[in-house]
C-alpha atoms as a PDB file:
ATOM      1  CA  UNK A   1     -26.551   1.742   1.326  1.00  0.00           C
ATOM      2  CA  UNK A   2     -27.792   0.730   4.746  1.00  0.00           C
ATOM      3  CA  UNK A   3     -31.493   0.079   5.503  1.00  0.00           C
ATOM      4  CA  UNK A   4     -32.468  -0.567   9.125  1.00  0.00           C
ATOM      5  CA  UNK A   5     -35.824  -2.045  10.165  1.00  0.00           C
ATOM      6  CA  UNK A   6     -37.089  -0.909  13.569  1.00  0.00           C
ATOM      7  CA  UNK A   7     -40.292  -1.305  15.537  1.00  0.00           C
ATOM      8  CA  UNK A   8     -41.868  -2.917  18.552  1.00  0.00           C
ATOM      9  CA  UNK A   9     -41.870  -6.702  18.879  1.00  0.00           C
ATOM     10  CA  UNK A  10     -44.429  -8.619  16.787  1.00  0.00           C
ATOM     11  CA  UNK A  11     -45.127  -6.000  14.107  1.00  0.00           C
ATOM     12  CA  UNK A  12     -43.692  -8.036  11.225  1.00  0.00           C
ATOM     13  CA  UNK A  13     -40.149  -6.644  10.958  1.00  0.00           C
ATOM     14  CA  UNK A  14     -38.665 -10.088  10.380  1.00  0.00           C
ATOM     15  CA  UNK A  15     -41.280 -10.983   7.763  1.00  0.00           C
ATOM     16  CA  UNK A  16     -40.480  -7.764   5.899  1.00  0.00           C
ATOM     17  CA  UNK A  17     -36.756  -8.465   6.323  1.00  0.00           C
ATOM     18  CA  UNK A  18     -37.168 -11.905   4.743  1.00  0.00           C
ATOM     19  CA  UNK A  19     -39.205 -10.494   1.856  1.00  0.00           C
ATOM     20  CA  UNK A  20     -36.659  -7.750   1.213  1.00  0.00           C
ATOM     21  CA  UNK A  21     -33.561  -9.947   1.406  1.00  0.00           C
ATOM     22  CA  UNK A  22     -34.678 -13.355   0.180  1.00  0.00           C
ATOM     23  CA  UNK A  23     -32.815 -16.239   1.732  1.00  0.00           C
ATOM     24  CA  UNK A  24     -29.324 -14.898   2.477  1.00  0.00           C
ATOM     25  CA  UNK A  25     -29.062 -13.757   6.101  1.00  0.00           C
ATOM     26  CA  UNK A  26     -26.417 -13.481   8.765  1.00  0.00           C
ATOM     27  CA  UNK A  27     -27.508 -13.590  12.383  1.00  0.00           C
ATOM     28  CA  UNK A  28     -24.949 -12.271  14.828  1.00  0.00           C
ATOM     29  CA  UNK A  29     -24.797 -11.006  18.355  1.00  0.00           C
ATOM     30  CA  UNK A  30     -24.261  -7.306  18.670  1.00  0.00           C
ATOM     31  CA  UNK A  31     -20.737  -6.673  20.037  1.00  0.00           C
ATOM     32  CA  UNK A  32     -20.611  -7.048  23.810  1.00  0.00           C
ATOM     33  CA  UNK A  33     -24.155  -8.464  24.092  1.00  0.00           C
ATOM     34  CA  UNK A  34     -26.163 -11.608  23.545  1.00  0.00           C
ATOM     35  CA  UNK A  35     -28.767  -9.632  21.568  1.00  0.00           C
ATOM     36  CA  UNK A  36     -29.171 -10.831  17.987  1.00  0.00           C
ATOM     37  CA  UNK A  37     -29.121  -8.551  14.976  1.00  0.00           C
ATOM     38  CA  UNK A  38     -29.969 -10.048  11.583  1.00  0.00           C
ATOM     39  CA  UNK A  39     -28.215  -8.722   8.479  1.00  0.00           C
ATOM     40  CA  UNK A  40     -28.811  -9.476   4.840  1.00  0.00           C
ATOM     41  CA  UNK A  41     -28.425  -7.921   1.438  1.00  0.00           C
ATOM     42  CA  UNK A  42     -30.870  -6.823  -1.197  1.00  0.00           C
ATOM     43  CA  UNK A  43     -30.559  -5.249  -4.606  1.00  0.00           C
ATOM     44  CA  UNK A  44     -33.078  -2.695  -5.843  1.00  0.00           C
ATOM     45  CA  UNK A  45     -32.675  -0.701  -9.017  1.00  0.00           C
ATOM     46  CA  UNK A  46     -28.972  -1.646  -9.392  1.00  0.00           C
ATOM     47  CA  UNK A  47     -28.225  -0.492  -5.812  1.00  0.00           C
ATOM     48  CA  UNK A  48     -27.019  -2.949  -3.161  1.00  0.00           C
ATOM     49  CA  UNK A  49     -28.502  -2.463   0.318  1.00  0.00           C
ATOM     50  CA  UNK A  50     -27.409  -3.958   3.605  1.00  0.00           C
ATOM     51  CA  UNK A  51     -30.702  -4.687   5.358  1.00  0.00           C
ATOM     52  CA  UNK A  52     -30.601  -4.916   9.161  1.00  0.00           C
ATOM     53  CA  UNK A  53     -33.421  -6.369  11.282  1.00  0.00           C
ATOM     54  CA  UNK A  54     -33.087  -4.959  14.794  1.00  0.00           C
ATOM     55  CA  UNK A  55     -34.425  -6.188  18.127  1.00  0.00           C
ATOM     56  CA  UNK A  56     -37.811  -4.775  19.119  1.00  0.00           C
ATOM     57  CA  UNK A  57     -37.939  -1.375  20.757  1.00  0.00           C
ATOM     58  CA  UNK A  58     -40.616   0.879  22.187  1.00  0.00           C
ATOM     59  CA  UNK A  59     -38.551   4.039  22.627  1.00  0.00           C
ATOM     60  CA  UNK A  60     -35.195   5.614  21.812  1.00  0.00           C
ATOM     61  CA  UNK A  61     -34.800   5.971  25.576  1.00  0.00           C
ATOM     62  CA  UNK A  62     -33.667   2.397  26.224  1.00  0.00           C
ATOM     63  CA  UNK A  63     -34.869   0.336  29.147  1.00  0.00           C
ATOM     64  CA  UNK A  64     -33.967  -3.138  27.910  1.00  0.00           C
ATOM     65  CA  UNK A  65     -30.741  -4.481  26.429  1.00  0.00           C
ATOM     66  CA  UNK A  66     -32.596  -4.991  23.111  1.00  0.00           C
ATOM     67  CA  UNK A  67     -33.604  -1.325  23.005  1.00  0.00           C
ATOM     68  CA  UNK A  68     -30.073  -0.265  23.918  1.00  0.00           C
ATOM     69  CA  UNK A  69     -28.626  -2.340  21.059  1.00  0.00           C
ATOM     70  CA  UNK A  70     -31.112  -0.938  18.530  1.00  0.00           C
ATOM     71  CA  UNK A  71     -30.518   2.655  19.667  1.00  0.00           C
ATOM     72  CA  UNK A  72     -26.728   2.196  19.512  1.00  0.00           C
ATOM     73  CA  UNK A  73     -26.984   0.644  16.064  1.00  0.00           C
ATOM     74  CA  UNK A  74     -29.133   3.532  14.782  1.00  0.00           C
ATOM     75  CA  UNK A  75     -26.819   6.203  16.133  1.00  0.00           C
ATOM     76  CA  UNK A  76     -23.470   4.563  15.318  1.00  0.00           C
ATOM     77  CA  UNK A  77     -24.117   2.915  11.953  1.00  0.00           C
ATOM     78  CA  UNK A  78     -25.692   5.974  10.280  1.00  0.00           C
ATOM     79  CA  UNK A  79     -28.371   4.253   8.164  1.00  0.00           C
ATOM     80  CA  UNK A  80     -29.358   5.698   4.800  1.00  0.00           C
ATOM     81  CA  UNK A  81     -32.969   4.840   5.570  1.00  0.00           C
ATOM     82  CA  UNK A  82     -34.813   3.631   8.665  1.00  0.00           C
ATOM     83  CA  UNK A  83     -38.034   1.733   7.993  1.00  0.00           C
ATOM     84  CA  UNK A  84     -40.220   1.994  11.087  1.00  0.00           C
ATOM     85  CA  UNK A  85     -42.629  -0.951  10.946  1.00  0.00           C
ATOM     86  CA  UNK A  86     -45.860  -0.451  12.897  1.00  0.00           C
ATOM     87  CA  UNK A  87     -49.029  -2.477  13.462  1.00  0.00           C
ATOM     88  CA  UNK A  88     -51.974  -0.829  11.674  1.00  0.00           C
ATOM     89  CA  UNK A  89     -54.327  -2.007  14.442  1.00  0.00           C
ATOM     90  CA  UNK A  90     -52.335  -0.181  17.134  1.00  0.00           C
ATOM     91  CA  UNK A  91     -51.055   2.821  15.220  1.00  0.00           C
ATOM     92  CA  UNK A  92     -51.592   5.400  17.976  1.00  0.00           C
ATOM     93  CA  UNK A  93     -49.388   3.484  20.426  1.00  0.00           C
ATOM     94  CA  UNK A  94     -46.578   3.197  17.880  1.00  0.00           C
ATOM     95  CA  UNK A  95     -46.348   6.702  16.459  1.00  0.00           C
ATOM     96  CA  UNK A  96     -44.447   8.150  19.451  1.00  0.00           C
ATOM     97  CA  UNK A  97     -41.415   6.099  18.374  1.00  0.00           C
ATOM     98  CA  UNK A  98     -41.815   7.463  14.824  1.00  0.00           C
ATOM     99  CA  UNK A  99     -41.642  10.988  16.247  1.00  0.00           C
ATOM    100  CA  UNK A 100     -38.576  10.111  18.354  1.00  0.00           C
ATOM    101  CA  UNK A 101     -36.812   8.723  15.270  1.00  0.00           C
ATOM    102  CA  UNK A 102     -37.611  11.907  13.346  1.00  0.00           C
ATOM    103  CA  UNK A 103     -36.498  14.129  16.248  1.00  0.00           C
ATOM    104  CA  UNK A 104     -33.187  12.216  16.277  1.00  0.00           C
ATOM    105  CA  UNK A 105     -32.712  13.320  12.670  1.00  0.00           C
ATOM    106  CA  UNK A 106     -32.978   9.826  11.215  1.00  0.00           C
ATOM    107  CA  UNK A 107     -34.205   9.281   7.627  1.00  0.00           C
ATOM    108  CA  UNK A 108     -37.520   7.516   8.298  1.00  0.00           C
ATOM    109  CA  UNK A 109     -40.056   5.720   6.141  1.00  0.00           C
ATOM    110  CA  UNK A 110     -43.160   4.462   7.958  1.00  0.00           C
ATOM    111  CA  UNK A 111     -44.391   0.978   6.998  1.00  0.00           C
ATOM    112  CA  UNK A 112     -47.931   0.538   8.325  1.00  0.00           C
ATOM    113  CA  UNK A 113     -48.037  -3.255   8.416  1.00  0.00           C
ATOM    114  CA  UNK A 114     -50.940  -5.649   8.989  1.00  0.00           C
ATOM    115  CA  UNK A 115     -53.253  -3.486   6.881  1.00  0.00           C
ATOM    116  CA  UNK A 116     -55.251  -6.631   6.088  1.00  0.00           C
ATOM    117  CA  UNK A 117     -55.983  -7.139   9.794  1.00  0.00           C
ATOM    118  CA  UNK A 118     -56.951  -3.481  10.216  1.00  0.00           C
ATOM    119  CA  UNK A 119     -59.310  -3.793   7.239  1.00  0.00           C
ATOM    120  CA  UNK A 120     -60.845  -6.936   8.775  1.00  0.00           C
ATOM    121  CA  UNK A 121     -61.852  -4.987  11.899  1.00  0.00           C
ATOM    122  CA  UNK A 122     -63.085  -2.008   9.879  1.00  0.00           C
ATOM    123  CA  UNK A 123     -60.118   0.244  10.639  1.00  0.00           C
ATOM    124  CA  UNK A 124     -59.474   2.819   7.929  1.00  0.00           C
ATOM    125  CA  UNK A 125     -56.096   4.588   7.762  1.00  0.00           C
ATOM    126  CA  UNK A 126     -55.497   7.506   5.412  1.00  0.00           C
ATOM    127  CA  UNK A 127     -51.861   6.802   4.529  1.00  0.00           C
ATOM    128  CA  UNK A 128     -51.546   9.926   2.355  1.00  0.00           C
ATOM    129  CA  UNK A 129     -52.786  12.154   5.183  1.00  0.00           C
ATOM    130  CA  UNK A 130     -50.440  10.439   7.645  1.00  0.00           C
ATOM    131  CA  UNK A 131     -47.542  11.022   5.233  1.00  0.00           C
ATOM    132  CA  UNK A 132     -48.515  14.679   4.910  1.00  0.00           C
ATOM    133  CA  UNK A 133     -48.738  15.169   8.688  1.00  0.00           C
ATOM    134  CA  UNK A 134     -45.426  13.404   9.432  1.00  0.00           C
ATOM    135  CA  UNK A 135     -43.600  14.735   6.371  1.00  0.00           C
ATOM    136  CA  UNK A 136     -42.222  11.291   5.474  1.00  0.00           C
ATOM    137  CA  UNK A 137     -43.141   8.484   3.081  1.00  0.00           C
ATOM    138  CA  UNK A 138     -45.820   6.146   4.472  1.00  0.00           C
ATOM    139  CA  UNK A 139     -46.496   2.756   2.880  1.00  0.00           C
ATOM    140  CA  UNK A 140     -49.257   0.292   3.756  1.00  0.00           C
ATOM    141  CA  UNK A 141     -48.211  -3.362   3.882  1.00  0.00           C
ATOM    142  CA  UNK A 142     -49.566  -6.772   4.760  1.00  0.00           C
ATOM    143  CA  UNK A 143     -46.205  -8.528   4.892  1.00  0.00           C
ATOM    144  CA  UNK A 144     -47.601 -11.935   5.827  1.00  0.00           C
ATOM    145  CA  UNK A 145     -49.487 -11.821   2.494  1.00  0.00           C
ATOM    146  CA  UNK A 146     -46.566 -10.212   0.600  1.00  0.00           C
ATOM    147  CA  UNK A 147     -48.699  -7.111  -0.040  1.00  0.00           C
ATOM    148  CA  UNK A 148     -47.171  -3.671  -0.304  1.00  0.00           C
ATOM    149  CA  UNK A 149     -43.566  -4.903  -0.377  1.00  0.00           C
ATOM    150  CA  UNK A 150     -42.926  -3.683  -3.929  1.00  0.00           C
ATOM    151  CA  UNK A 151     -44.357  -0.274  -2.960  1.00  0.00           C
ATOM    152  CA  UNK A 152     -42.044  -0.253   0.079  1.00  0.00           C
ATOM    153  CA  UNK A 153     -39.039  -1.014  -2.150  1.00  0.00           C
ATOM    154  CA  UNK A 154     -40.030   1.809  -4.512  1.00  0.00           C
ATOM    155  CA  UNK A 155     -40.447   4.191  -1.558  1.00  0.00           C
ATOM    156  CA  UNK A 156     -36.950   3.286  -0.318  1.00  0.00           C
ATOM    157  CA  UNK A 157     -35.407   3.817  -3.756  1.00  0.00           C
ATOM    158  CA  UNK A 158     -37.159   7.171  -4.217  1.00  0.00           C
ATOM    159  CA  UNK A 159     -36.398   8.376  -0.675  1.00  0.00           C
ATOM    160  CA  UNK A 160     -32.695   7.512  -0.930  1.00  0.00           C
ATOM    161  CA  UNK A 161     -32.511   9.064  -4.409  1.00  0.00           C
ATOM    162  CA  UNK A 162     -33.997  12.351  -3.116  1.00  0.00           C
ATOM    163  CA  UNK A 163     -31.687  12.413  -0.090  1.00  0.00           C
ATOM    164  CA  UNK A 164     -28.578  11.809  -2.189  1.00  0.00           C
ATOM    165  CA  UNK A 165     -29.538  14.452  -4.801  1.00  0.00           C
END
């Protein structure tokens, strides 16, 4: 199974990657570029996952080499699940990429990260309503505090199980 983490820079993708994979990682340049892609493995519920941390992207319509690499990876490697990591404080600016991922037919789970920071500024996000509107699983996380990671793992397991069935 292949799980790909995507999102804009500085939303906590790498923190989530480290929490999902533990310490074993392989950092490599994507073929033909100097852009780094980090790969690791994780085991959930007796299933082995290749977890891929991609360079930051703002859109599936690439402008930068990083975005081009991430788009190519998404379209060529056919992930079983794409976890779109977004910053809870800037949700509105990040949801257009979620919609692009869905329009591309990718299997998306939305991880609304930095929920602790959103709470600190009084920002309330109805994750269930967001899930209902988007039609995908939505999980709240505070990766820097290791909060919500077990829920994210369960969401991945359940989502993949439903897609395979």
